[in-house]
Amino acid sequence: MRINGKNGNNGNNGRSRAKSKKRTSLPNLSPQEIAVIVGILTNALEVESVLVDRDQKVSIVLAGSLRRRTEADRLDEEIGNVSVGDLINALIRR
């Protein structure tokens, strides 16, 4: 029987291996990768398509805009399906 440290604790001052975990290093991300991650998380970018070719190579197409949405953009989305005539009639009745 071999005892490596004082009191038979293998020289680690009573600490078990579970407590002395190594820190995992964070992945090194390029500025482009960080920009894509931020764009997806902030909804500035959205997935437009996912393509898989015969060799199982995956391509993901992202689309977005750097321009901030204005109130007019939001209004345009809300009334996007309304015809111009209906819009004019609604403004006149107002």
PDB file of N, CA and C in Angstrom:
ATOM      1  N   MET A   1       0.852  -1.175   0.000  1.00  0.00           N
ATOM      2  CA  MET A   1       0.000   0.000   0.000  1.00  0.00           C
ATOM      3  C   MET A   1       0.897   1.236   0.000  1.00  0.00           C
ATOM      4  N   ARG A   2       0.588   2.185  -0.880  1.00  0.00           N
ATOM      5  CA  ARG A   2       1.415   3.379  -1.015  1.00  0.00           C
ATOM      6  C   ARG A   2       0.612   4.605  -0.599  1.00  0.00           C
ATOM      7  N   ILE A   3       1.182   5.410   0.275  1.00  0.00           N
ATOM      8  CA  ILE A   3       0.539   6.639   0.734  1.00  0.00           C
ATOM      9  C   ILE A   3       1.363   7.801   0.215  1.00  0.00           C
ATOM     10  N   ASN A   4       0.718   8.697  -0.578  1.00  0.00           N
ATOM     11  CA  ASN A   4       1.452   9.766  -1.244  1.00  0.00           C
ATOM     12  C   ASN A   4       1.555  11.047  -0.435  1.00  0.00           C
ATOM     13  N   GLY A   5       0.636  11.339   0.385  1.00  0.00           N
ATOM     14  CA  GLY A   5       0.661  12.603   1.101  1.00  0.00           C
ATOM     15  C   GLY A   5       0.461  12.403   2.576  1.00  0.00           C
ATOM     16  N   LYS A   6       0.440  13.502   3.277  1.00  0.00           N
ATOM     17  CA  LYS A   6       0.219  13.464   4.708  1.00  0.00           C
ATOM     18  C   LYS A   6      -1.200  12.984   4.962  1.00  0.00           C
ATOM     19  N   ASN A   7      -1.385  12.099   5.872  1.00  0.00           N
ATOM     20  CA  ASN A   7      -2.674  11.535   6.257  1.00  0.00           C
ATOM     21  C   ASN A   7      -3.329  10.744   5.124  1.00  0.00           C
ATOM     22  N   GLY A   8      -2.569  10.330   4.104  1.00  0.00           N
ATOM     23  CA  GLY A   8      -3.106   9.482   3.054  1.00  0.00           C
ATOM     24  C   GLY A   8      -4.028  10.179   2.078  1.00  0.00           C
ATOM     25  N   ASN A   9      -3.885  11.490   1.894  1.00  0.00           N
ATOM     26  CA  ASN A   9      -4.821  12.215   1.034  1.00  0.00           C
ATOM     27  C   ASN A   9      -4.245  12.547  -0.334  1.00  0.00           C
ATOM     28  N   ASN A  10      -3.219  11.858  -0.761  1.00  0.00           N
ATOM     29  CA  ASN A  10      -2.584  12.044  -2.060  1.00  0.00           C
ATOM     30  C   ASN A  10      -2.088  13.464  -2.287  1.00  0.00           C
ATOM     31  N   GLY A  11      -1.819  14.198  -1.262  1.00  0.00           N
ATOM     32  CA  GLY A  11      -1.223  15.510  -1.394  1.00  0.00           C
ATOM     33  C   GLY A  11      -2.143  16.613  -1.867  1.00  0.00           C
ATOM     34  N   ASN A  12      -3.436  16.417  -1.815  1.00  0.00           N
ATOM     35  CA  ASN A  12      -4.333  17.473  -2.287  1.00  0.00           C
ATOM     36  C   ASN A  12      -5.055  18.170  -1.143  1.00  0.00           C
ATOM     37  N   ASN A  13      -4.481  18.129   0.029  1.00  0.00           N
ATOM     38  CA  ASN A  13      -4.994  18.812   1.219  1.00  0.00           C
ATOM     39  C   ASN A  13      -6.446  18.482   1.522  1.00  0.00           C
ATOM     40  N   GLY A  14      -6.852  17.272   1.255  1.00  0.00           N
ATOM     41  CA  GLY A  14      -8.196  16.845   1.608  1.00  0.00           C
ATOM     42  C   GLY A  14      -9.255  17.156   0.560  1.00  0.00           C
ATOM     43  N   ARG A  15      -8.889  17.820  -0.521  1.00  0.00           N
ATOM     44  CA  ARG A  15      -9.878  18.123  -1.565  1.00  0.00           C
ATOM     45  C   ARG A  15     -10.070  16.912  -2.456  1.00  0.00           C
ATOM     46  N   SER A  16     -11.289  16.669  -2.824  1.00  0.00           N
ATOM     47  CA  SER A  16     -11.547  15.551  -3.725  1.00  0.00           C
ATOM     48  C   SER A  16     -11.392  16.027  -5.167  1.00  0.00           C
ATOM     49  N   ARG A  17     -11.290  15.102  -6.088  1.00  0.00           N
ATOM     50  CA  ARG A  17     -11.135  15.463  -7.493  1.00  0.00           C
ATOM     51  C   ARG A  17     -12.359  16.204  -8.032  1.00  0.00           C
ATOM     52  N   ALA A  18     -13.516  15.912  -7.531  1.00  0.00           N
ATOM     53  CA  ALA A  18     -14.738  16.576  -8.010  1.00  0.00           C
ATOM     54  C   ALA A  18     -14.716  18.070  -7.708  1.00  0.00           C
ATOM     55  N   LYS A  19     -14.098  18.440  -6.603  1.00  0.00           N
ATOM     56  CA  LYS A  19     -14.069  19.857  -6.229  1.00  0.00           C
ATOM     57  C   LYS A  19     -13.020  20.629  -7.011  1.00  0.00           C
ATOM     58  N   SER A  20     -11.980  19.950  -7.491  1.00  0.00           N
ATOM     59  CA  SER A  20     -10.918  20.652  -8.211  1.00  0.00           C
ATOM     60  C   SER A  20     -11.124  20.508  -9.722  1.00  0.00           C
ATOM     61  N   LYS A  21     -12.247  21.044 -10.215  1.00  0.00           N
ATOM     62  CA  LYS A  21     -12.571  20.974 -11.640  1.00  0.00           C
ATOM     63  C   LYS A  21     -11.737  21.990 -12.393  1.00  0.00           C
ATOM     64  N   LYS A  22     -11.362  21.634 -13.601  1.00  0.00           N
ATOM     65  CA  LYS A  22     -10.671  22.581 -14.460  1.00  0.00           C
ATOM     66  C   LYS A  22     -11.701  23.498 -15.097  1.00  0.00           C
ATOM     67  N   ARG A  23     -11.312  24.741 -15.290  1.00  0.00           N
ATOM     68  CA  ARG A  23     -12.206  25.686 -15.962  1.00  0.00           C
ATOM     69  C   ARG A  23     -12.178  25.399 -17.449  1.00  0.00           C
ATOM     70  N   THR A  24     -13.364  25.380 -18.041  1.00  0.00           N
ATOM     71  CA  THR A  24     -13.415  25.180 -19.484  1.00  0.00           C
ATOM     72  C   THR A  24     -13.245  26.525 -20.163  1.00  0.00           C
ATOM     73  N   SER A  25     -12.499  26.550 -21.227  1.00  0.00           N
ATOM     74  CA  SER A  25     -12.262  27.809 -21.924  1.00  0.00           C
ATOM     75  C   SER A  25     -13.432  28.104 -22.859  1.00  0.00           C
ATOM     76  N   LEU A  26     -13.724  29.386 -23.005  1.00  0.00           N
ATOM     77  CA  LEU A  26     -14.778  29.806 -23.902  1.00  0.00           C
ATOM     78  C   LEU A  26     -14.279  29.705 -25.330  1.00  0.00           C
ATOM     79  N   PRO A  27     -15.193  29.432 -26.282  1.00  0.00           N
ATOM     80  CA  PRO A  27     -14.744  29.336 -27.670  1.00  0.00           C
ATOM     81  C   PRO A  27     -14.296  30.703 -28.179  1.00  0.00           C
ATOM     82  N   ASN A  28     -13.316  30.700 -29.051  1.00  0.00           N
ATOM     83  CA  ASN A  28     -12.847  31.938 -29.661  1.00  0.00           C
ATOM     84  C   ASN A  28     -13.769  32.267 -30.826  1.00  0.00           C
ATOM     85  N   LEU A  29     -14.528  33.340 -30.717  1.00  0.00           N
ATOM     86  CA  LEU A  29     -15.462  33.735 -31.759  1.00  0.00           C
ATOM     87  C   LEU A  29     -14.914  34.933 -32.515  1.00  0.00           C
ATOM     88  N   SER A  30     -15.120  34.909 -33.822  1.00  0.00           N
ATOM     89  CA  SER A  30     -14.690  36.040 -34.641  1.00  0.00           C
ATOM     90  C   SER A  30     -15.728  37.154 -34.516  1.00  0.00           C
ATOM     91  N   PRO A  31     -15.375  38.373 -34.882  1.00  0.00           N
ATOM     92  CA  PRO A  31     -16.359  39.460 -34.845  1.00  0.00           C
ATOM     93  C   PRO A  31     -17.588  39.174 -35.715  1.00  0.00           C
ATOM     94  N   GLN A  32     -17.381  38.493 -36.845  1.00  0.00           N
ATOM     95  CA  GLN A  32     -18.501  38.148 -37.710  1.00  0.00           C
ATOM     96  C   GLN A  32     -19.449  37.163 -37.023  1.00  0.00           C
ATOM     97  N   GLU A  33     -18.895  36.191 -36.330  1.00  0.00           N
ATOM     98  CA  GLU A  33     -19.722  35.215 -35.624  1.00  0.00           C
ATOM     99  C   GLU A  33     -20.494  35.876 -34.488  1.00  0.00           C
ATOM    100  N   ILE A  34     -19.855  36.795 -33.787  1.00  0.00           N
ATOM    101  CA  ILE A  34     -20.537  37.521 -32.712  1.00  0.00           C
ATOM    102  C   ILE A  34     -21.671  38.358 -33.281  1.00  0.00           C
ATOM    103  N   ALA A  35     -21.428  39.011 -34.431  1.00  0.00           N
ATOM    104  CA  ALA A  35     -22.464  39.832 -35.067  1.00  0.00           C
ATOM    105  C   ALA A  35     -23.662  38.984 -35.475  1.00  0.00           C
ATOM    106  N   VAL A  36     -23.422  37.793 -35.983  1.00  0.00           N
ATOM    107  CA  VAL A  36     -24.529  36.907 -36.375  1.00  0.00           C
ATOM    108  C   VAL A  36     -25.313  36.478 -35.146  1.00  0.00           C
ATOM    109  N   ILE A  37     -24.639  36.116 -34.087  1.00  0.00           N
ATOM    110  CA  ILE A  37     -25.316  35.692 -32.857  1.00  0.00           C
ATOM    111  C   ILE A  37     -26.166  36.823 -32.300  1.00  0.00           C
ATOM    112  N   VAL A  38     -25.598  38.023 -32.223  1.00  0.00           N
ATOM    113  CA  VAL A  38     -26.338  39.176 -31.709  1.00  0.00           C
ATOM    114  C   VAL A  38     -27.532  39.484 -32.628  1.00  0.00           C
ATOM    115  N   GLY A  39     -27.315  39.410 -33.941  1.00  0.00           N
ATOM    116  CA  GLY A  39     -28.399  39.668 -34.888  1.00  0.00           C
ATOM    117  C   GLY A  39     -29.553  38.709 -34.731  1.00  0.00           C
ATOM    118  N   ILE A  40     -29.273  37.455 -34.499  1.00  0.00           N
ATOM    119  CA  ILE A  40     -30.338  36.460 -34.306  1.00  0.00           C
ATOM    120  C   ILE A  40     -31.039  36.680 -32.971  1.00  0.00           C
ATOM    121  N   LEU A  41     -30.273  36.916 -31.903  1.00  0.00           N
ATOM    122  CA  LEU A  41     -30.873  37.091 -30.577  1.00  0.00           C
ATOM    123  C   LEU A  41     -31.727  38.351 -30.472  1.00  0.00           C
ATOM    124  N   THR A  42     -31.395  39.389 -31.234  1.00  0.00           N
ATOM    125  CA  THR A  42     -32.155  40.639 -31.176  1.00  0.00           C
ATOM    126  C   THR A  42     -33.224  40.729 -32.267  1.00  0.00           C
ATOM    127  N   ASN A  43     -33.413  39.656 -32.997  1.00  0.00           N
ATOM    128  CA  ASN A  43     -34.391  39.589 -34.094  1.00  0.00           C
ATOM    129  C   ASN A  43     -34.079  40.561 -35.228  1.00  0.00           C
ATOM    130  N   ALA A  44     -32.839  41.017 -35.345  1.00  0.00           N
ATOM    131  CA  ALA A  44     -32.436  41.826 -36.487  1.00  0.00           C
ATOM    132  C   ALA A  44     -32.193  40.932 -37.701  1.00  0.00           C
ATOM    133  N   LEU A  45     -31.854  39.672 -37.452  1.00  0.00           N
ATOM    134  CA  LEU A  45     -31.676  38.688 -38.513  1.00  0.00           C
ATOM    135  C   LEU A  45     -32.654  37.551 -38.299  1.00  0.00           C
ATOM    136  N   GLU A  46     -33.173  37.037 -39.398  1.00  0.00           N
ATOM    137  CA  GLU A  46     -34.036  35.854 -39.301  1.00  0.00           C
ATOM    138  C   GLU A  46     -33.620  34.870 -40.379  1.00  0.00           C
ATOM    139  N   VAL A  47     -33.874  33.610 -40.125  1.00  0.00           N
ATOM    140  CA  VAL A  47     -33.502  32.562 -41.063  1.00  0.00           C
ATOM    141  C   VAL A  47     -34.452  32.627 -42.252  1.00  0.00           C
ATOM    142  N   GLU A  48     -33.866  32.791 -43.436  1.00  0.00           N
ATOM    143  CA  GLU A  48     -34.672  32.836 -44.653  1.00  0.00           C
ATOM    144  C   GLU A  48     -34.787  31.449 -45.269  1.00  0.00           C
ATOM    145  N   SER A  49     -33.710  30.668 -45.244  1.00  0.00           N
ATOM    146  CA  SER A  49     -33.769  29.300 -45.752  1.00  0.00           C
ATOM    147  C   SER A  49     -32.613  28.478 -45.197  1.00  0.00           C
ATOM    148  N   VAL A  50     -32.820  27.172 -45.200  1.00  0.00           N
ATOM    149  CA  VAL A  50     -31.792  26.221 -44.814  1.00  0.00           C
ATOM    150  C   VAL A  50     -31.631  25.264 -45.992  1.00  0.00           C
ATOM    151  N   LEU A  51     -30.431  25.179 -46.516  1.00  0.00           N
ATOM    152  CA  LEU A  51     -30.159  24.358 -47.696  1.00  0.00           C
ATOM    153  C   LEU A  51     -29.222  23.226 -47.322  1.00  0.00           C
ATOM    154  N   VAL A  52     -29.531  22.012 -47.789  1.00  0.00           N
ATOM    155  CA  VAL A  52     -28.675  20.859 -47.566  1.00  0.00           C
ATOM    156  C   VAL A  52     -28.406  20.233 -48.928  1.00  0.00           C
ATOM    157  N   ASP A  53     -27.126  20.114 -49.308  1.00  0.00           N
ATOM    158  CA  ASP A  53     -26.821  19.531 -50.620  1.00  0.00           C
ATOM    159  C   ASP A  53     -26.553  18.034 -50.499  1.00  0.00           C
ATOM    160  N   ARG A  54     -26.179  17.409 -51.614  1.00  0.00           N
ATOM    161  CA  ARG A  54     -25.974  15.952 -51.648  1.00  0.00           C
ATOM    162  C   ARG A  54     -24.882  15.480 -50.703  1.00  0.00           C
ATOM    163  N   ASP A  55     -23.891  16.328 -50.487  1.00  0.00           N
ATOM    164  CA  ASP A  55     -22.774  15.957 -49.607  1.00  0.00           C
ATOM    165  C   ASP A  55     -23.056  16.269 -48.145  1.00  0.00           C
ATOM    166  N   GLN A  56     -24.308  16.577 -47.817  1.00  0.00           N
ATOM    167  CA  GLN A  56     -24.739  16.905 -46.457  1.00  0.00           C
ATOM    168  C   GLN A  56     -24.129  18.210 -45.963  1.00  0.00           C
ATOM    169  N   LYS A  57     -23.738  19.072 -46.894  1.00  0.00           N
ATOM    170  CA  LYS A  57     -23.242  20.402 -46.532  1.00  0.00           C
ATOM    171  C   LYS A  57     -24.448  21.301 -46.282  1.00  0.00           C
ATOM    172  N   VAL A  58     -24.446  21.984 -45.148  1.00  0.00           N
ATOM    173  CA  VAL A  58     -25.583  22.810 -44.751  1.00  0.00           C
ATOM    174  C   VAL A  58     -25.245  24.278 -44.964  1.00  0.00           C
ATOM    175  N   SER A  59     -26.160  25.003 -45.617  1.00  0.00           N
ATOM    176  CA  SER A  59     -26.027  26.451 -45.788  1.00  0.00           C
ATOM    177  C   SER A  59     -27.270  27.100 -45.214  1.00  0.00           C
ATOM    178  N   ILE A  60     -27.062  28.109 -44.384  1.00  0.00           N
ATOM    179  CA  ILE A  60     -28.189  28.818 -43.768  1.00  0.00           C
ATOM    180  C   ILE A  60     -28.155  30.253 -44.274  1.00  0.00           C
ATOM    181  N   VAL A  61     -29.264  30.689 -44.852  1.00  0.00           N
ATOM    182  CA  VAL A  61     -29.360  32.050 -45.375  1.00  0.00           C
ATOM    183  C   VAL A  61     -30.115  32.894 -44.358  1.00  0.00           C
ATOM    184  N   LEU A  62     -29.463  33.981 -43.908  1.00  0.00           N
ATOM    185  CA  LEU A  62     -30.071  34.909 -42.957  1.00  0.00           C
ATOM    186  C   LEU A  62     -30.390  36.206 -43.681  1.00  0.00           C
ATOM    187  N   ALA A  63     -31.472  36.848 -43.271  1.00  0.00           N
ATOM    188  CA  ALA A  63     -31.844  38.133 -43.871  1.00  0.00           C
ATOM    189  C   ALA A  63     -32.239  39.083 -42.761  1.00  0.00           C
ATOM    190  N   GLY A  64     -31.981  40.361 -42.979  1.00  0.00           N
ATOM    191  CA  GLY A  64     -32.344  41.363 -41.991  1.00  0.00           C
ATOM    192  C   GLY A  64     -31.949  42.733 -42.478  1.00  0.00           C
ATOM    193  N   SER A  65     -32.168  43.700 -41.627  1.00  0.00           N
ATOM    194  CA  SER A  65     -31.859  45.077 -41.966  1.00  0.00           C
ATOM    195  C   SER A  65     -31.200  45.750 -40.772  1.00  0.00           C
ATOM    196  N   LEU A  66     -30.272  46.636 -41.072  1.00  0.00           N
ATOM    197  CA  LEU A  66     -29.624  47.403 -40.015  1.00  0.00           C
ATOM    198  C   LEU A  66     -30.405  48.662 -39.686  1.00  0.00           C
ATOM    199  N   ARG A  67     -31.358  49.014 -40.556  1.00  0.00           N
ATOM    200  CA  ARG A  67     -32.160  50.214 -40.363  1.00  0.00           C
ATOM    201  C   ARG A  67     -33.182  49.960 -39.255  1.00  0.00           C
ATOM    202  N   ARG A  68     -33.333  50.932 -38.391  1.00  0.00           N
ATOM    203  CA  ARG A  68     -34.333  50.817 -37.318  1.00  0.00           C
ATOM    204  C   ARG A  68     -35.730  50.996 -37.892  1.00  0.00           C
ATOM    205  N   ARG A  69     -36.637  50.215 -37.382  1.00  0.00           N
ATOM    206  CA  ARG A  69     -38.023  50.320 -37.843  1.00  0.00           C
ATOM    207  C   ARG A  69     -38.652  51.596 -37.310  1.00  0.00           C
ATOM    208  N   THR A  70     -39.380  52.268 -38.173  1.00  0.00           N
ATOM    209  CA  THR A  70     -40.064  53.494 -37.789  1.00  0.00           C
ATOM    210  C   THR A  70     -41.535  53.200 -37.541  1.00  0.00           C
ATOM    211  N   GLU A  71     -42.242  54.193 -37.050  1.00  0.00           N
ATOM    212  CA  GLU A  71     -43.683  54.040 -36.839  1.00  0.00           C
ATOM    213  C   GLU A  71     -44.386  53.772 -38.158  1.00  0.00           C
ATOM    214  N   ALA A  72     -43.898  54.400 -39.234  1.00  0.00           N
ATOM    215  CA  ALA A  72     -44.490  54.169 -40.559  1.00  0.00           C
ATOM    216  C   ALA A  72     -44.299  52.717 -40.995  1.00  0.00           C
ATOM    217  N   ASP A  73     -43.166  52.120 -40.675  1.00  0.00           N
ATOM    218  CA  ASP A  73     -42.938  50.713 -41.001  1.00  0.00           C
ATOM    219  C   ASP A  73     -43.922  49.823 -40.255  1.00  0.00           C
ATOM    220  N   ARG A  74     -44.146  50.125 -38.994  1.00  0.00           N
ATOM    221  CA  ARG A  74     -45.090  49.329 -38.200  1.00  0.00           C
ATOM    222  C   ARG A  74     -46.516  49.487 -38.727  1.00  0.00           C
ATOM    223  N   LEU A  75     -46.872  50.711 -39.083  1.00  0.00           N
ATOM    224  CA  LEU A  75     -48.198  50.967 -39.642  1.00  0.00           C
ATOM    225  C   LEU A  75     -48.366  50.240 -40.968  1.00  0.00           C
ATOM    226  N   ASP A  76     -47.321  50.232 -41.782  1.00  0.00           N
ATOM    227  CA  ASP A  76     -47.360  49.536 -43.068  1.00  0.00           C
ATOM    228  C   ASP A  76     -47.612  48.044 -42.873  1.00  0.00           C
ATOM    229  N   GLU A  77     -46.996  47.442 -41.872  1.00  0.00           N
ATOM    230  CA  GLU A  77     -47.219  46.024 -41.593  1.00  0.00           C
ATOM    231  C   GLU A  77     -48.661  45.767 -41.177  1.00  0.00           C
ATOM    232  N   GLU A  78     -49.234  46.658 -40.375  1.00  0.00           N
ATOM    233  CA  GLU A  78     -50.598  46.470 -39.890  1.00  0.00           C
ATOM    234  C   GLU A  78     -51.623  46.582 -41.006  1.00  0.00           C
ATOM    235  N   ILE A  79     -51.420  47.529 -41.924  1.00  0.00           N
ATOM    236  CA  ILE A  79     -52.426  47.753 -42.969  1.00  0.00           C
ATOM    237  C   ILE A  79     -51.946  47.229 -44.319  1.00  0.00           C
ATOM    238  N   GLY A  80     -51.010  46.308 -44.312  1.00  0.00           N
ATOM    239  CA  GLY A  80     -50.432  45.774 -45.543  1.00  0.00           C
ATOM    240  C   GLY A  80     -51.453  45.173 -46.495  1.00  0.00           C
ATOM    241  N   ASN A  81     -52.539  44.584 -46.009  1.00  0.00           N
ATOM    242  CA  ASN A  81     -53.528  43.931 -46.868  1.00  0.00           C
ATOM    243  C   ASN A  81     -54.715  44.826 -47.192  1.00  0.00           C
ATOM    244  N   VAL A  82     -54.721  46.047 -46.733  1.00  0.00           N
ATOM    245  CA  VAL A  82     -55.831  46.964 -46.989  1.00  0.00           C
ATOM    246  C   VAL A  82     -55.581  47.666 -48.320  1.00  0.00           C
ATOM    247  N   SER A  83     -56.618  47.749 -49.144  1.00  0.00           N
ATOM    248  CA  SER A  83     -56.458  48.424 -50.433  1.00  0.00           C
ATOM    249  C   SER A  83     -56.350  49.935 -50.219  1.00  0.00           C
ATOM    250  N   VAL A  84     -55.799  50.621 -51.232  1.00  0.00           N
ATOM    251  CA  VAL A  84     -55.618  52.069 -51.152  1.00  0.00           C
ATOM    252  C   VAL A  84     -56.976  52.760 -51.048  1.00  0.00           C
ATOM    253  N   GLY A  85     -57.966  52.273 -51.795  1.00  0.00           N
ATOM    254  CA  GLY A  85     -59.318  52.860 -51.732  1.00  0.00           C
ATOM    255  C   GLY A  85     -59.920  52.760 -50.350  1.00  0.00           C
ATOM    256  N   ASP A  86     -59.798  51.604 -49.714  1.00  0.00           N
ATOM    257  CA  ASP A  86     -60.321  51.442 -48.355  1.00  0.00           C
ATOM    258  C   ASP A  86     -59.587  52.363 -47.382  1.00  0.00           C
ATOM    259  N   LEU A  87     -58.287  52.527 -47.568  1.00  0.00           N
ATOM    260  CA  LEU A  87     -57.505  53.397 -46.701  1.00  0.00           C
ATOM    261  C   LEU A  87     -57.955  54.856 -46.846  1.00  0.00           C
ATOM    262  N   ILE A  88     -58.165  55.298 -48.088  1.00  0.00           N
ATOM    263  CA  ILE A  88     -58.608  56.669 -48.333  1.00  0.00           C
ATOM    264  C   ILE A  88     -59.997  56.883 -47.747  1.00  0.00           C
ATOM    265  N   ASN A  89     -60.901  55.927 -47.930  1.00  0.00           N
ATOM    266  CA  ASN A  89     -62.256  56.033 -47.350  1.00  0.00           C
ATOM    267  C   ASN A  89     -62.204  56.106 -45.830  1.00  0.00           C
ATOM    268  N   ALA A  90     -61.321  55.340 -45.214  1.00  0.00           N
ATOM    269  CA  ALA A  90     -61.202  55.357 -43.760  1.00  0.00           C
ATOM    270  C   ALA A  90     -60.691  56.722 -43.285  1.00  0.00           C
ATOM    271  N   LEU A  91     -59.749  57.311 -44.043  1.00  0.00           N
ATOM    272  CA  LEU A  91     -59.228  58.629 -43.657  1.00  0.00           C
ATOM    273  C   LEU A  91     -60.283  59.713 -43.833  1.00  0.00           C
ATOM    274  N   ILE A  92     -61.100  59.616 -44.882  1.00  0.00           N
ATOM    275  CA  ILE A  92     -62.151  60.616 -45.124  1.00  0.00           C
ATOM    276  C   ILE A  92     -63.219  60.545 -44.042  1.00  0.00           C
ATOM    277  N   ARG A  93     -63.611  59.352 -43.666  1.00  0.00           N
ATOM    278  CA  ARG A  93     -64.643  59.167 -42.618  1.00  0.00           C
ATOM    279  C   ARG A  93     -64.164  59.610 -41.259  1.00  0.00           C
ATOM    280  N   ARG A  94     -62.918  59.731 -41.093  1.00  0.00           N
ATOM    281  CA  ARG A  94     -62.342  60.085 -39.812  1.00  0.00           C
ATOM    282  C   ARG A  94     -62.645  61.511 -39.539  1.00  0.00           C
TER     283      ARG A  94
END
